Amino acid sequence: MIDMKASMEELNSSNHNTLMQQLGIEYLEKREGYVKARMPVDKRTLQPMGILHGGASLALAETIGSLGSALLLDLDKYDVRGANINANHVGAVSEGWVYGEAELIHRGRYTHVWNITIKDETGRLISVGRLTNMIIEK
């Protein structure tokens, strides 16, 4: 089970055989209401024009926002499901790493809303997004 006590190593190992592993996403930091991860900008995440694919950015955003919600819940009692995600891609990057940071802005009984920023290695903003997760009782 995913919980706040899980180590970064345990969280990263939970990505084995998933999209997160295929994209090279690595969790870096977690605390209540906050998750940070990185993703390589390489052949797995580029679009044909040689820049980071917007879909890869959205996958990073949904990954960290969903993990953030999961860390707040008893997953024996609740499931987390993405209900809506949107982003504005405001910069381009063609190599290196991008870093995603998800910050909880609303923790309701049935929904969690996250603001997510994705920046390159120099701190330049690449994408900004918002994720709404549904919290579903099992």
N, C-alpha and C. Protein backbone atom coordinates (compact mmCIF):
# COMPACT_ATOMS: atom_id res chain seq x y z
N MET A 1 0.83 -1.18 0.00
CA MET A 1 0.00 0.00 0.00
C MET A 1 0.88 1.24 0.00
N ILE A 2 0.48 2.25 -0.71
CA ILE A 2 1.19 3.52 -0.75
C ILE A 2 0.78 4.32 0.48
N ASP A 3 1.77 4.84 1.21
CA ASP A 3 1.44 5.72 2.32
C ASP A 3 2.57 6.71 2.54
N MET A 4 2.32 7.69 3.39
CA MET A 4 3.29 8.75 3.64
C MET A 4 4.59 8.22 4.22
N LYS A 5 4.55 7.05 4.84
CA LYS A 5 5.76 6.48 5.44
C LYS A 5 6.63 5.76 4.41
N ALA A 6 6.11 5.55 3.21
CA ALA A 6 6.88 4.85 2.17
C ALA A 6 8.11 5.67 1.80
N SER A 7 9.23 4.98 1.60
CA SER A 7 10.46 5.65 1.18
C SER A 7 10.38 5.97 -0.31
N MET A 8 11.25 6.86 -0.76
CA MET A 8 11.32 7.17 -2.19
C MET A 8 11.64 5.90 -2.98
N GLU A 9 12.51 5.07 -2.44
CA GLU A 9 12.86 3.81 -3.11
C GLU A 9 11.62 2.93 -3.27
N GLU A 10 10.81 2.83 -2.23
CA GLU A 10 9.59 2.02 -2.31
C GLU A 10 8.60 2.60 -3.32
N LEU A 11 8.43 3.91 -3.29
CA LEU A 11 7.52 4.54 -4.25
C LEU A 11 7.99 4.34 -5.68
N ASN A 12 9.29 4.55 -5.91
CA ASN A 12 9.82 4.37 -7.26
C ASN A 12 9.72 2.92 -7.72
N SER A 13 9.90 1.97 -6.81
CA SER A 13 9.81 0.56 -7.21
C SER A 13 8.37 0.18 -7.55
N SER A 14 7.39 0.92 -7.03
CA SER A 14 5.99 0.64 -7.37
C SER A 14 5.68 0.98 -8.82
N ASN A 15 6.56 1.69 -9.50
CA ASN A 15 6.36 2.05 -10.91
C ASN A 15 6.83 0.97 -11.89
N HIS A 16 7.37 -0.13 -11.38
CA HIS A 16 7.85 -1.21 -12.24
C HIS A 16 6.70 -1.71 -13.13
N ASN A 17 7.00 -1.86 -14.43
CA ASN A 17 6.05 -2.33 -15.43
C ASN A 17 4.84 -1.42 -15.60
N THR A 18 5.06 -0.11 -15.53
CA THR A 18 3.99 0.87 -15.72
C THR A 18 4.43 1.92 -16.72
N LEU A 19 3.52 2.81 -17.07
CA LEU A 19 3.86 3.94 -17.93
C LEU A 19 4.97 4.78 -17.30
N MET A 20 4.90 4.94 -15.97
CA MET A 20 5.91 5.75 -15.30
C MET A 20 7.31 5.20 -15.53
N GLN A 21 7.45 3.88 -15.49
CA GLN A 21 8.76 3.28 -15.77
C GLN A 21 9.15 3.52 -17.23
N GLN A 22 8.21 3.37 -18.15
CA GLN A 22 8.51 3.56 -19.57
C GLN A 22 8.97 4.99 -19.86
N LEU A 23 8.42 5.97 -19.14
CA LEU A 23 8.79 7.37 -19.35
C LEU A 23 9.99 7.79 -18.50
N GLY A 24 10.43 6.93 -17.60
CA GLY A 24 11.59 7.24 -16.77
C GLY A 24 11.28 8.19 -15.62
N ILE A 25 10.03 8.25 -15.19
CA ILE A 25 9.65 9.15 -14.09
C ILE A 25 10.21 8.63 -12.78
N GLU A 26 10.83 9.53 -12.02
CA GLU A 26 11.39 9.20 -10.71
C GLU A 26 10.86 10.17 -9.67
N TYR A 27 10.31 9.64 -8.59
CA TYR A 27 9.87 10.49 -7.49
C TYR A 27 11.08 10.98 -6.72
N LEU A 28 11.05 12.24 -6.32
CA LEU A 28 12.18 12.85 -5.62
C LEU A 28 11.84 13.30 -4.20
N GLU A 29 10.61 13.76 -3.99
CA GLU A 29 10.25 14.33 -2.70
C GLU A 29 8.75 14.21 -2.49
N LYS A 30 8.37 14.02 -1.24
CA LYS A 30 6.95 13.98 -0.90
C LYS A 30 6.77 14.53 0.51
N ARG A 31 5.67 15.20 0.68
CA ARG A 31 5.18 15.59 2.00
C ARG A 31 3.68 15.80 1.83
N GLU A 32 2.97 15.97 2.90
CA GLU A 32 1.52 16.11 2.79
C GLU A 32 1.19 17.29 1.89
N GLY A 33 0.43 17.01 0.82
CA GLY A 33 0.01 18.05 -0.11
C GLY A 33 1.06 18.47 -1.12
N TYR A 34 2.14 17.69 -1.28
CA TYR A 34 3.21 18.07 -2.21
C TYR A 34 3.95 16.83 -2.69
N VAL A 35 4.20 16.77 -4.01
CA VAL A 35 5.01 15.70 -4.60
C VAL A 35 5.89 16.32 -5.68
N LYS A 36 7.15 15.90 -5.71
CA LYS A 36 8.08 16.34 -6.75
C LYS A 36 8.69 15.11 -7.41
N ALA A 37 8.81 15.18 -8.74
CA ALA A 37 9.41 14.08 -9.51
C ALA A 37 10.15 14.68 -10.70
N ARG A 38 10.95 13.84 -11.34
CA ARG A 38 11.62 14.27 -12.56
C ARG A 38 11.38 13.24 -13.66
N MET A 39 11.56 13.72 -14.90
CA MET A 39 11.38 12.87 -16.06
C MET A 39 12.44 13.26 -17.09
N PRO A 40 13.08 12.27 -17.73
CA PRO A 40 14.07 12.61 -18.75
C PRO A 40 13.42 13.15 -20.02
N VAL A 41 14.13 14.03 -20.68
CA VAL A 41 13.72 14.50 -21.99
C VAL A 41 14.65 13.76 -22.96
N ASP A 42 14.13 12.68 -23.52
CA ASP A 42 14.93 11.81 -24.40
C ASP A 42 14.00 11.13 -25.41
N LYS A 43 14.48 10.11 -26.08
CA LYS A 43 13.71 9.47 -27.16
C LYS A 43 12.36 8.95 -26.67
N ARG A 44 12.20 8.68 -25.37
CA ARG A 44 10.93 8.19 -24.84
C ARG A 44 9.89 9.29 -24.70
N THR A 45 10.34 10.53 -24.58
CA THR A 45 9.41 11.62 -24.22
C THR A 45 9.36 12.74 -25.24
N LEU A 46 10.12 12.61 -26.34
CA LEU A 46 10.12 13.66 -27.37
C LEU A 46 9.01 13.44 -28.39
N GLN A 47 8.56 14.52 -29.01
CA GLN A 47 7.66 14.44 -30.15
C GLN A 47 8.51 14.58 -31.43
N PRO A 48 7.93 14.36 -32.61
CA PRO A 48 8.73 14.35 -33.84
C PRO A 48 9.52 15.63 -34.13
N MET A 49 9.11 16.75 -33.57
CA MET A 49 9.85 18.00 -33.80
C MET A 49 11.07 18.13 -32.89
N GLY A 50 11.32 17.11 -32.06
CA GLY A 50 12.52 17.09 -31.23
C GLY A 50 12.39 17.81 -29.89
N ILE A 51 11.17 18.09 -29.47
CA ILE A 51 10.96 18.73 -28.16
C ILE A 51 10.05 17.84 -27.31
N LEU A 52 10.03 18.14 -26.01
CA LEU A 52 9.22 17.36 -25.08
C LEU A 52 7.76 17.32 -25.54
N HIS A 53 7.21 16.14 -25.59
CA HIS A 53 5.82 15.93 -26.00
C HIS A 53 4.89 16.41 -24.89
N GLY A 54 3.86 17.17 -25.26
CA GLY A 54 2.89 17.64 -24.28
C GLY A 54 2.21 16.50 -23.54
N GLY A 55 2.00 15.40 -24.21
CA GLY A 55 1.38 14.24 -23.56
C GLY A 55 2.28 13.65 -22.48
N ALA A 56 3.58 13.69 -22.70
CA ALA A 56 4.51 13.23 -21.67
C ALA A 56 4.44 14.16 -20.46
N SER A 57 4.34 15.45 -20.71
CA SER A 57 4.19 16.41 -19.60
C SER A 57 2.92 16.14 -18.82
N LEU A 58 1.82 15.86 -19.51
CA LEU A 58 0.57 15.56 -18.82
C LEU A 58 0.67 14.25 -18.05
N ALA A 59 1.38 13.27 -18.59
CA ALA A 59 1.56 12.01 -17.86
C ALA A 59 2.33 12.26 -16.57
N LEU A 60 3.37 13.09 -16.63
CA LEU A 60 4.12 13.45 -15.42
C LEU A 60 3.20 14.16 -14.43
N ALA A 61 2.43 15.12 -14.91
CA ALA A 61 1.53 15.89 -14.04
C ALA A 61 0.51 14.98 -13.36
N GLU A 62 -0.15 14.13 -14.12
CA GLU A 62 -1.16 13.26 -13.52
C GLU A 62 -0.53 12.25 -12.57
N THR A 63 0.65 11.80 -12.88
CA THR A 63 1.35 10.86 -12.01
C THR A 63 1.61 11.47 -10.63
N ILE A 64 2.15 12.67 -10.60
CA ILE A 64 2.51 13.23 -9.29
C ILE A 64 1.28 13.72 -8.52
N GLY A 65 0.29 14.26 -9.21
CA GLY A 65 -0.93 14.67 -8.53
C GLY A 65 -1.71 13.48 -7.99
N SER A 66 -1.74 12.41 -8.75
CA SER A 66 -2.44 11.21 -8.29
C SER A 66 -1.72 10.56 -7.11
N LEU A 67 -0.39 10.52 -7.18
CA LEU A 67 0.35 9.99 -6.03
C LEU A 67 0.09 10.85 -4.81
N GLY A 68 0.08 12.16 -5.00
CA GLY A 68 -0.19 13.06 -3.88
C GLY A 68 -1.52 12.75 -3.22
N SER A 69 -2.56 12.53 -4.02
CA SER A 69 -3.86 12.17 -3.45
C SER A 69 -3.80 10.81 -2.75
N ALA A 70 -3.15 9.85 -3.37
CA ALA A 70 -3.05 8.52 -2.76
C ALA A 70 -2.36 8.56 -1.41
N LEU A 71 -1.37 9.43 -1.28
CA LEU A 71 -0.64 9.53 -0.01
C LEU A 71 -1.50 10.12 1.11
N LEU A 72 -2.59 10.78 0.75
CA LEU A 72 -3.47 11.40 1.75
C LEU A 72 -4.59 10.47 2.21
N LEU A 73 -4.73 9.32 1.58
CA LEU A 73 -5.88 8.46 1.80
C LEU A 73 -5.50 7.09 2.33
N ASP A 74 -6.47 6.44 2.92
CA ASP A 74 -6.37 5.02 3.26
C ASP A 74 -6.84 4.27 2.01
N LEU A 75 -5.90 3.71 1.27
CA LEU A 75 -6.24 3.08 -0.01
C LEU A 75 -6.97 1.75 0.16
N ASP A 76 -7.12 1.28 1.40
CA ASP A 76 -7.99 0.13 1.64
C ASP A 76 -9.45 0.56 1.59
N LYS A 77 -9.70 1.86 1.80
CA LYS A 77 -11.07 2.37 1.85
C LYS A 77 -11.45 3.22 0.64
N TYR A 78 -10.44 3.81 -0.04
CA TYR A 78 -10.71 4.75 -1.12
C TYR A 78 -9.84 4.47 -2.34
N ASP A 79 -10.37 4.83 -3.49
CA ASP A 79 -9.62 4.83 -4.75
C ASP A 79 -9.46 6.26 -5.22
N VAL A 80 -8.41 6.51 -5.98
CA VAL A 80 -8.16 7.82 -6.60
C VAL A 80 -8.32 7.64 -8.11
N ARG A 81 -9.10 8.52 -8.72
CA ARG A 81 -9.29 8.50 -10.17
C ARG A 81 -9.16 9.92 -10.70
N GLY A 82 -8.36 10.08 -11.73
CA GLY A 82 -8.27 11.38 -12.38
C GLY A 82 -9.58 11.73 -13.05
N ALA A 83 -10.10 12.91 -12.77
CA ALA A 83 -11.37 13.34 -13.37
C ALA A 83 -11.15 14.36 -14.47
N ASN A 84 -10.15 15.22 -14.29
CA ASN A 84 -9.88 16.26 -15.28
C ASN A 84 -8.43 16.69 -15.15
N ILE A 85 -7.80 16.90 -16.29
CA ILE A 85 -6.45 17.45 -16.31
C ILE A 85 -6.35 18.41 -17.48
N ASN A 86 -5.68 19.53 -17.26
CA ASN A 86 -5.43 20.47 -18.35
C ASN A 86 -4.08 21.11 -18.11
N ALA A 87 -3.52 21.63 -19.18
CA ALA A 87 -2.21 22.26 -19.07
C ALA A 87 -2.02 23.29 -20.16
N ASN A 88 -1.18 24.24 -19.85
CA ASN A 88 -0.68 25.18 -20.83
C ASN A 88 0.81 24.92 -20.96
N HIS A 89 1.25 24.66 -22.16
CA HIS A 89 2.67 24.44 -22.44
C HIS A 89 3.23 25.79 -22.86
N VAL A 90 4.10 26.34 -22.04
CA VAL A 90 4.58 27.70 -22.25
C VAL A 90 6.06 27.78 -22.63
N GLY A 91 6.72 26.63 -22.64
CA GLY A 91 8.13 26.59 -23.02
C GLY A 91 8.43 25.25 -23.67
N ALA A 92 9.59 25.15 -24.27
CA ALA A 92 10.00 23.92 -24.93
C ALA A 92 11.38 23.52 -24.41
N VAL A 93 11.61 22.23 -24.39
CA VAL A 93 12.90 21.69 -23.97
C VAL A 93 13.19 20.48 -24.83
N SER A 94 14.45 20.28 -25.20
CA SER A 94 14.79 19.19 -26.11
C SER A 94 15.77 18.18 -25.52
N GLU A 95 16.27 18.43 -24.32
CA GLU A 95 17.18 17.47 -23.69
C GLU A 95 17.24 17.73 -22.19
N GLY A 96 17.85 16.79 -21.48
CA GLY A 96 18.02 16.93 -20.04
C GLY A 96 16.87 16.33 -19.27
N TRP A 97 16.45 17.03 -18.23
CA TRP A 97 15.39 16.59 -17.35
C TRP A 97 14.37 17.70 -17.17
N VAL A 98 13.12 17.31 -16.91
CA VAL A 98 12.12 18.24 -16.43
C VAL A 98 11.71 17.79 -15.04
N TYR A 99 11.31 18.78 -14.25
CA TYR A 99 10.94 18.54 -12.85
C TYR A 99 9.51 18.98 -12.65
N GLY A 100 8.68 18.08 -12.16
CA GLY A 100 7.29 18.39 -11.88
C GLY A 100 7.06 18.54 -10.40
N GLU A 101 6.29 19.56 -10.05
CA GLU A 101 5.91 19.77 -8.65
C GLU A 101 4.40 19.92 -8.58
N ALA A 102 3.78 19.08 -7.76
CA ALA A 102 2.33 19.12 -7.56
C ALA A 102 2.05 19.64 -6.16
N GLU A 103 1.17 20.66 -6.10
CA GLU A 103 0.78 21.24 -4.82
C GLU A 103 -0.74 21.19 -4.69
N LEU A 104 -1.20 20.61 -3.59
CA LEU A 104 -2.63 20.49 -3.33
C LEU A 104 -3.23 21.87 -3.04
N ILE A 105 -4.30 22.21 -3.76
CA ILE A 105 -4.97 23.48 -3.49
C ILE A 105 -6.38 23.30 -2.95
N HIS A 106 -6.92 22.08 -3.05
CA HIS A 106 -8.24 21.79 -2.49
C HIS A 106 -8.28 20.32 -2.08
N ARG A 107 -8.62 20.11 -0.81
CA ARG A 107 -8.77 18.74 -0.30
C ARG A 107 -10.19 18.59 0.22
N GLY A 108 -11.07 18.17 -0.68
CA GLY A 108 -12.45 17.95 -0.31
C GLY A 108 -12.71 16.49 0.01
N ARG A 109 -13.92 16.23 0.39
CA ARG A 109 -14.30 14.86 0.72
C ARG A 109 -14.29 13.95 -0.51
N TYR A 110 -14.71 14.52 -1.65
CA TYR A 110 -14.82 13.72 -2.87
C TYR A 110 -13.88 14.14 -3.99
N THR A 111 -13.21 15.28 -3.83
CA THR A 111 -12.27 15.72 -4.86
C THR A 111 -11.02 16.32 -4.23
N HIS A 112 -9.93 16.17 -4.92
CA HIS A 112 -8.67 16.85 -4.63
C HIS A 112 -8.29 17.61 -5.89
N VAL A 113 -7.84 18.86 -5.73
CA VAL A 113 -7.40 19.66 -6.87
C VAL A 113 -5.93 20.03 -6.64
N TRP A 114 -5.13 19.81 -7.69
CA TRP A 114 -3.69 20.03 -7.64
C TRP A 114 -3.25 21.04 -8.69
N ASN A 115 -2.39 21.97 -8.32
CA ASN A 115 -1.66 22.80 -9.27
C ASN A 115 -0.33 22.12 -9.54
N ILE A 116 0.05 22.07 -10.79
CA ILE A 116 1.29 21.37 -11.16
C ILE A 116 2.12 22.27 -12.07
N THR A 117 3.39 22.41 -11.73
CA THR A 117 4.32 23.11 -12.60
C THR A 117 5.39 22.13 -13.05
N ILE A 118 5.81 22.30 -14.30
CA ILE A 118 6.90 21.51 -14.86
C ILE A 118 7.94 22.50 -15.35
N LYS A 119 9.17 22.31 -14.87
CA LYS A 119 10.26 23.22 -15.21
C LYS A 119 11.45 22.43 -15.73
N ASP A 120 12.30 23.11 -16.51
CA ASP A 120 13.53 22.46 -16.97
C ASP A 120 14.59 22.55 -15.88
N GLU A 121 15.78 22.09 -16.21
CA GLU A 121 16.86 22.03 -15.22
C GLU A 121 17.30 23.41 -14.73
N THR A 122 17.04 24.45 -15.50
CA THR A 122 17.42 25.81 -15.09
C THR A 122 16.32 26.51 -14.32
N GLY A 123 15.16 25.84 -14.16
CA GLY A 123 14.04 26.44 -13.46
C GLY A 123 13.08 27.19 -14.37
N ARG A 124 13.30 27.12 -15.68
CA ARG A 124 12.42 27.78 -16.63
C ARG A 124 11.12 26.99 -16.76
N LEU A 125 9.99 27.70 -16.70
CA LEU A 125 8.68 27.07 -16.76
C LEU A 125 8.43 26.47 -18.15
N ILE A 126 8.04 25.21 -18.17
CA ILE A 126 7.73 24.50 -19.41
C ILE A 126 6.22 24.31 -19.55
N SER A 127 5.57 23.87 -18.48
CA SER A 127 4.12 23.65 -18.49
C SER A 127 3.55 23.98 -17.12
N VAL A 128 2.32 24.40 -17.13
CA VAL A 128 1.57 24.61 -15.89
C VAL A 128 0.21 23.96 -16.08
N GLY A 129 -0.22 23.23 -15.06
CA GLY A 129 -1.47 22.50 -15.22
C GLY A 129 -2.25 22.38 -13.94
N ARG A 130 -3.42 21.79 -14.09
CA ARG A 130 -4.30 21.54 -12.95
C ARG A 130 -4.91 20.16 -13.13
N LEU A 131 -4.93 19.42 -12.03
CA LEU A 131 -5.50 18.07 -12.01
C LEU A 131 -6.58 18.02 -10.94
N THR A 132 -7.73 17.46 -11.30
CA THR A 132 -8.78 17.17 -10.34
C THR A 132 -8.90 15.65 -10.22
N ASN A 133 -8.77 15.16 -9.01
CA ASN A 133 -8.94 13.73 -8.73
C ASN A 133 -10.25 13.51 -8.01
N MET A 134 -10.95 12.45 -8.42
CA MET A 134 -12.13 12.00 -7.68
C MET A 134 -11.66 11.05 -6.59
N ILE A 135 -12.28 11.16 -5.43
CA ILE A 135 -12.00 10.25 -4.32
C ILE A 135 -13.23 9.37 -4.20
N ILE A 136 -13.05 8.07 -4.41
CA ILE A 136 -14.17 7.14 -4.50
C ILE A 136 -14.08 6.13 -3.36
N GLU A 137 -15.15 6.05 -2.61
CA GLU A 137 -15.21 5.05 -1.54
C GLU A 137 -15.34 3.67 -2.16
N LYS A 138 -14.56 2.72 -1.66
CA LYS A 138 -14.62 1.35 -2.18
C LYS A 138 -15.86 0.63 -1.69
